[in-house]
Amino acid sequence: MNLRRKNRLWVVCAVLAGLALTTALVLYALRANIDLFYTPGGNSLRQA
């Protein structure tokens, strides 16, 4: 295998690993079901 093809293979593997890691982190964050804002109706019912 020549050097150019080997480098391209490493880049493709690194990109795929990065996408897999990003997907895993997003799915882990969504699993927690975090609400980062309150709706206006929910805010009026909530005591400060």
PDB file of N, CA and C in Angstrom:
ATOM      1  N   MET A   1       0.860  -1.171   0.000  1.00  0.00           N
ATOM      2  CA  MET A   1       0.000   0.000   0.000  1.00  0.00           C
ATOM      3  C   MET A   1       0.907   1.236   0.000  1.00  0.00           C
ATOM      4  N   ASN A   2       0.634   2.159  -0.884  1.00  0.00           N
ATOM      5  CA  ASN A   2       1.499   3.335  -0.937  1.00  0.00           C
ATOM      6  C   ASN A   2       1.155   4.332   0.176  1.00  0.00           C
ATOM      7  N   LEU A   3       2.046   5.273   0.397  1.00  0.00           N
ATOM      8  CA  LEU A   3       1.937   6.195   1.524  1.00  0.00           C
ATOM      9  C   LEU A   3       0.702   7.093   1.421  1.00  0.00           C
ATOM     10  N   ARG A   4       0.359   7.522   0.227  1.00  0.00           N
ATOM     11  CA  ARG A   4      -0.793   8.410   0.057  1.00  0.00           C
ATOM     12  C   ARG A   4      -2.094   7.690   0.425  1.00  0.00           C
ATOM     13  N   ARG A   5      -2.239   6.456   0.008  1.00  0.00           N
ATOM     14  CA  ARG A   5      -3.444   5.690   0.318  1.00  0.00           C
ATOM     15  C   ARG A   5      -3.527   5.397   1.817  1.00  0.00           C
ATOM     16  N   LYS A   6      -2.384   5.110   2.426  1.00  0.00           N
ATOM     17  CA  LYS A   6      -2.361   4.832   3.859  1.00  0.00           C
ATOM     18  C   LYS A   6      -2.760   6.077   4.656  1.00  0.00           C
ATOM     19  N   ASN A   7      -2.263   7.236   4.244  1.00  0.00           N
ATOM     20  CA  ASN A   7      -2.640   8.477   4.928  1.00  0.00           C
ATOM     21  C   ASN A   7      -4.128   8.769   4.767  1.00  0.00           C
ATOM     22  N   ARG A   8      -4.659   8.532   3.591  1.00  0.00           N
ATOM     23  CA  ARG A   8      -6.086   8.746   3.354  1.00  0.00           C
ATOM     24  C   ARG A   8      -6.917   7.804   4.221  1.00  0.00           C
ATOM     25  N   LEU A   9      -6.457   6.566   4.363  1.00  0.00           N
ATOM     26  CA  LEU A   9      -7.158   5.601   5.210  1.00  0.00           C
ATOM     27  C   LEU A   9      -7.165   6.061   6.665  1.00  0.00           C
ATOM     28  N   TRP A  10      -6.049   6.589   7.151  1.00  0.00           N
ATOM     29  CA  TRP A  10      -5.988   7.087   8.522  1.00  0.00           C
ATOM     30  C   TRP A  10      -6.928   8.274   8.720  1.00  0.00           C
ATOM     31  N   VAL A  11      -7.001   9.149   7.749  1.00  0.00           N
ATOM     32  CA  VAL A  11      -7.895  10.309   7.854  1.00  0.00           C
ATOM     33  C   VAL A  11      -9.348   9.853   7.888  1.00  0.00           C
ATOM     34  N   VAL A  12      -9.707   8.919   7.035  1.00  0.00           N
ATOM     35  CA  VAL A  12     -11.084   8.407   7.010  1.00  0.00           C
ATOM     36  C   VAL A  12     -11.420   7.727   8.330  1.00  0.00           C
ATOM     37  N   CYS A  13     -10.498   6.939   8.861  1.00  0.00           N
ATOM     38  CA  CYS A  13     -10.732   6.274  10.150  1.00  0.00           C
ATOM     39  C   CYS A  13     -10.881   7.292  11.277  1.00  0.00           C
ATOM     40  N   ALA A  14     -10.078   8.347  11.256  1.00  0.00           N
ATOM     41  CA  ALA A  14     -10.170   9.378  12.291  1.00  0.00           C
ATOM     42  C   ALA A  14     -11.498  10.121  12.214  1.00  0.00           C
ATOM     43  N   VAL A  15     -11.957  10.420  11.003  1.00  0.00           N
ATOM     44  CA  VAL A  15     -13.244  11.103  10.839  1.00  0.00           C
ATOM     45  C   VAL A  15     -14.385  10.212  11.321  1.00  0.00           C
ATOM     46  N   LEU A  16     -14.347   8.941  10.978  1.00  0.00           N
ATOM     47  CA  LEU A  16     -15.395   8.016  11.429  1.00  0.00           C
ATOM     48  C   LEU A  16     -15.386   7.860  12.945  1.00  0.00           C
ATOM     49  N   ALA A  17     -14.211   7.795  13.538  1.00  0.00           N
ATOM     50  CA  ALA A  17     -14.123   7.700  14.995  1.00  0.00           C
ATOM     51  C   ALA A  17     -14.665   8.972  15.648  1.00  0.00           C
ATOM     52  N   GLY A  18     -14.379  10.122  15.065  1.00  0.00           N
ATOM     53  CA  GLY A  18     -14.907  11.376  15.590  1.00  0.00           C
ATOM     54  C   GLY A  18     -16.420  11.447  15.495  1.00  0.00           C
ATOM     55  N   LEU A  19     -16.963  10.993  14.384  1.00  0.00           N
ATOM     56  CA  LEU A  19     -18.425  10.973  14.236  1.00  0.00           C
ATOM     57  C   LEU A  19     -19.073  10.019  15.232  1.00  0.00           C
ATOM     58  N   ALA A  20     -18.452   8.872  15.443  1.00  0.00           N
ATOM     59  CA  ALA A  20     -18.985   7.909  16.408  1.00  0.00           C
ATOM     60  C   ALA A  20     -18.956   8.489  17.816  1.00  0.00           C
ATOM     61  N   LEU A  21     -17.871   9.157  18.166  1.00  0.00           N
ATOM     62  CA  LEU A  21     -17.768   9.767  19.491  1.00  0.00           C
ATOM     63  C   LEU A  21     -18.789  10.889  19.661  1.00  0.00           C
ATOM     64  N   THR A  22     -18.961  11.703  18.639  1.00  0.00           N
ATOM     65  CA  THR A  22     -19.939  12.784  18.697  1.00  0.00           C
ATOM     66  C   THR A  22     -21.352  12.237  18.853  1.00  0.00           C
ATOM     67  N   THR A  23     -21.676  11.207  18.089  1.00  0.00           N
ATOM     68  CA  THR A  23     -22.997  10.592  18.186  1.00  0.00           C
ATOM     69  C   THR A  23     -23.228  10.002  19.567  1.00  0.00           C
ATOM     70  N   ALA A  24     -22.228   9.339  20.109  1.00  0.00           N
ATOM     71  CA  ALA A  24     -22.360   8.746  21.440  1.00  0.00           C
ATOM     72  C   ALA A  24     -22.576   9.819  22.498  1.00  0.00           C
ATOM     73  N   LEU A  25     -21.845  10.924  22.412  1.00  0.00           N
ATOM     74  CA  LEU A  25     -22.009  11.991  23.398  1.00  0.00           C
ATOM     75  C   LEU A  25     -23.371  12.667  23.284  1.00  0.00           C
ATOM     76  N   VAL A  26     -23.855  12.856  22.068  1.00  0.00           N
ATOM     77  CA  VAL A  26     -25.178  13.463  21.884  1.00  0.00           C
ATOM     78  C   VAL A  26     -26.263  12.543  22.429  1.00  0.00           C
ATOM     79  N   LEU A  27     -26.177  11.261  22.136  1.00  0.00           N
ATOM     80  CA  LEU A  27     -27.176  10.324  22.648  1.00  0.00           C
ATOM     81  C   LEU A  27     -27.122  10.233  24.167  1.00  0.00           C
ATOM     82  N   TYR A  28     -25.942  10.303  24.743  1.00  0.00           N
ATOM     83  CA  TYR A  28     -25.816  10.280  26.198  1.00  0.00           C
ATOM     84  C   TYR A  28     -26.439  11.535  26.812  1.00  0.00           C
ATOM     85  N   ALA A  29     -26.228  12.676  26.176  1.00  0.00           N
ATOM     86  CA  ALA A  29     -26.801  13.921  26.688  1.00  0.00           C
ATOM     87  C   ALA A  29     -28.323  13.920  26.559  1.00  0.00           C
ATOM     88  N   LEU A  30     -28.843  13.395  25.471  1.00  0.00           N
ATOM     89  CA  LEU A  30     -30.296  13.365  25.288  1.00  0.00           C
ATOM     90  C   LEU A  30     -30.967  12.371  26.228  1.00  0.00           C
ATOM     91  N   ARG A  31     -30.212  11.381  26.681  1.00  0.00           N
ATOM     92  CA  ARG A  31     -30.774  10.390  27.585  1.00  0.00           C
ATOM     93  C   ARG A  31     -31.157  11.019  28.913  1.00  0.00           C
ATOM     94  N   ALA A  32     -30.442  12.042  29.320  1.00  0.00           N
ATOM     95  CA  ALA A  32     -30.701  12.686  30.604  1.00  0.00           C
ATOM     96  C   ALA A  32     -31.965  13.544  30.567  1.00  0.00           C
ATOM     97  N   ASN A  33     -32.454  13.906  29.376  1.00  0.00           N
ATOM     98  CA  ASN A  33     -33.675  14.697  29.206  1.00  0.00           C
ATOM     99  C   ASN A  33     -33.592  16.006  29.987  1.00  0.00           C
ATOM    100  N   ILE A  34     -32.594  16.796  29.669  1.00  0.00           N
ATOM    101  CA  ILE A  34     -32.353  18.054  30.370  1.00  0.00           C
ATOM    102  C   ILE A  34     -33.162  19.164  29.708  1.00  0.00           C
ATOM    103  N   ASP A  35     -33.906  19.917  30.515  1.00  0.00           N
ATOM    104  CA  ASP A  35     -34.617  21.095  30.026  1.00  0.00           C
ATOM    105  C   ASP A  35     -33.781  22.320  30.357  1.00  0.00           C
ATOM    106  N   LEU A  36     -33.375  23.050  29.345  1.00  0.00           N
ATOM    107  CA  LEU A  36     -32.534  24.211  29.563  1.00  0.00           C
ATOM    108  C   LEU A  36     -33.336  25.506  29.609  1.00  0.00           C
ATOM    109  N   PHE A  37     -34.641  25.426  29.466  1.00  0.00           N
ATOM    110  CA  PHE A  37     -35.466  26.624  29.518  1.00  0.00           C
ATOM    111  C   PHE A  37     -36.827  26.246  30.088  1.00  0.00           C
ATOM    112  N   TYR A  38     -37.520  27.234  30.592  1.00  0.00           N
ATOM    113  CA  TYR A  38     -38.879  27.056  31.092  1.00  0.00           C
ATOM    114  C   TYR A  38     -39.849  27.697  30.109  1.00  0.00           C
ATOM    115  N   THR A  39     -40.971  27.052  29.909  1.00  0.00           N
ATOM    116  CA  THR A  39     -42.005  27.645  29.071  1.00  0.00           C
ATOM    117  C   THR A  39     -42.679  28.772  29.859  1.00  0.00           C
ATOM    118  N   PRO A  40     -43.308  29.724  29.181  1.00  0.00           N
ATOM    119  CA  PRO A  40     -43.973  30.813  29.913  1.00  0.00           C
ATOM    120  C   PRO A  40     -45.045  30.303  30.876  1.00  0.00           C
ATOM    121  N   GLY A  41     -45.806  29.302  30.471  1.00  0.00           N
ATOM    122  CA  GLY A  41     -46.829  28.766  31.362  1.00  0.00           C
ATOM    123  C   GLY A  41     -46.232  28.070  32.567  1.00  0.00           C
ATOM    124  N   GLY A  42     -45.182  27.332  32.356  1.00  0.00           N
ATOM    125  CA  GLY A  42     -44.521  26.656  33.467  1.00  0.00           C
ATOM    126  C   GLY A  42     -43.818  27.628  34.387  1.00  0.00           C
ATOM    127  N   ASN A  43     -43.339  28.723  33.839  1.00  0.00           N
ATOM    128  CA  ASN A  43     -42.648  29.721  34.643  1.00  0.00           C
ATOM    129  C   ASN A  43     -43.623  30.475  35.538  1.00  0.00           C
ATOM    130  N   SER A  44     -44.853  30.713  35.068  1.00  0.00           N
ATOM    131  CA  SER A  44     -45.825  31.435  35.884  1.00  0.00           C
ATOM    132  C   SER A  44     -46.330  30.561  37.029  1.00  0.00           C
ATOM    133  N   LEU A  45     -46.325  29.251  36.862  1.00  0.00           N
ATOM    134  CA  LEU A  45     -46.759  28.355  37.926  1.00  0.00           C
ATOM    135  C   LEU A  45     -45.656  28.122  38.957  1.00  0.00           C
ATOM    136  N   ARG A  46     -44.445  28.336  38.571  1.00  0.00           N
ATOM    137  CA  ARG A  46     -43.294  28.083  39.434  1.00  0.00           C
ATOM    138  C   ARG A  46     -43.039  29.295  40.334  1.00  0.00           C
ATOM    139  N   GLN A  47     -42.804  29.042  41.621  1.00  0.00           N
ATOM    140  CA  GLN A  47     -42.503  30.144  42.531  1.00  0.00           C
ATOM    141  C   GLN A  47     -41.011  30.430  42.505  1.00  0.00           C
ATOM    142  N   ALA A  48     -40.650  31.700  42.456  1.00  0.00           N
ATOM    143  CA  ALA A  48     -39.237  32.087  42.388  1.00  0.00           C
ATOM    144  C   ALA A  48     -38.593  32.045  43.755  1.00  0.00           C
TER     145      ALA A  48
END
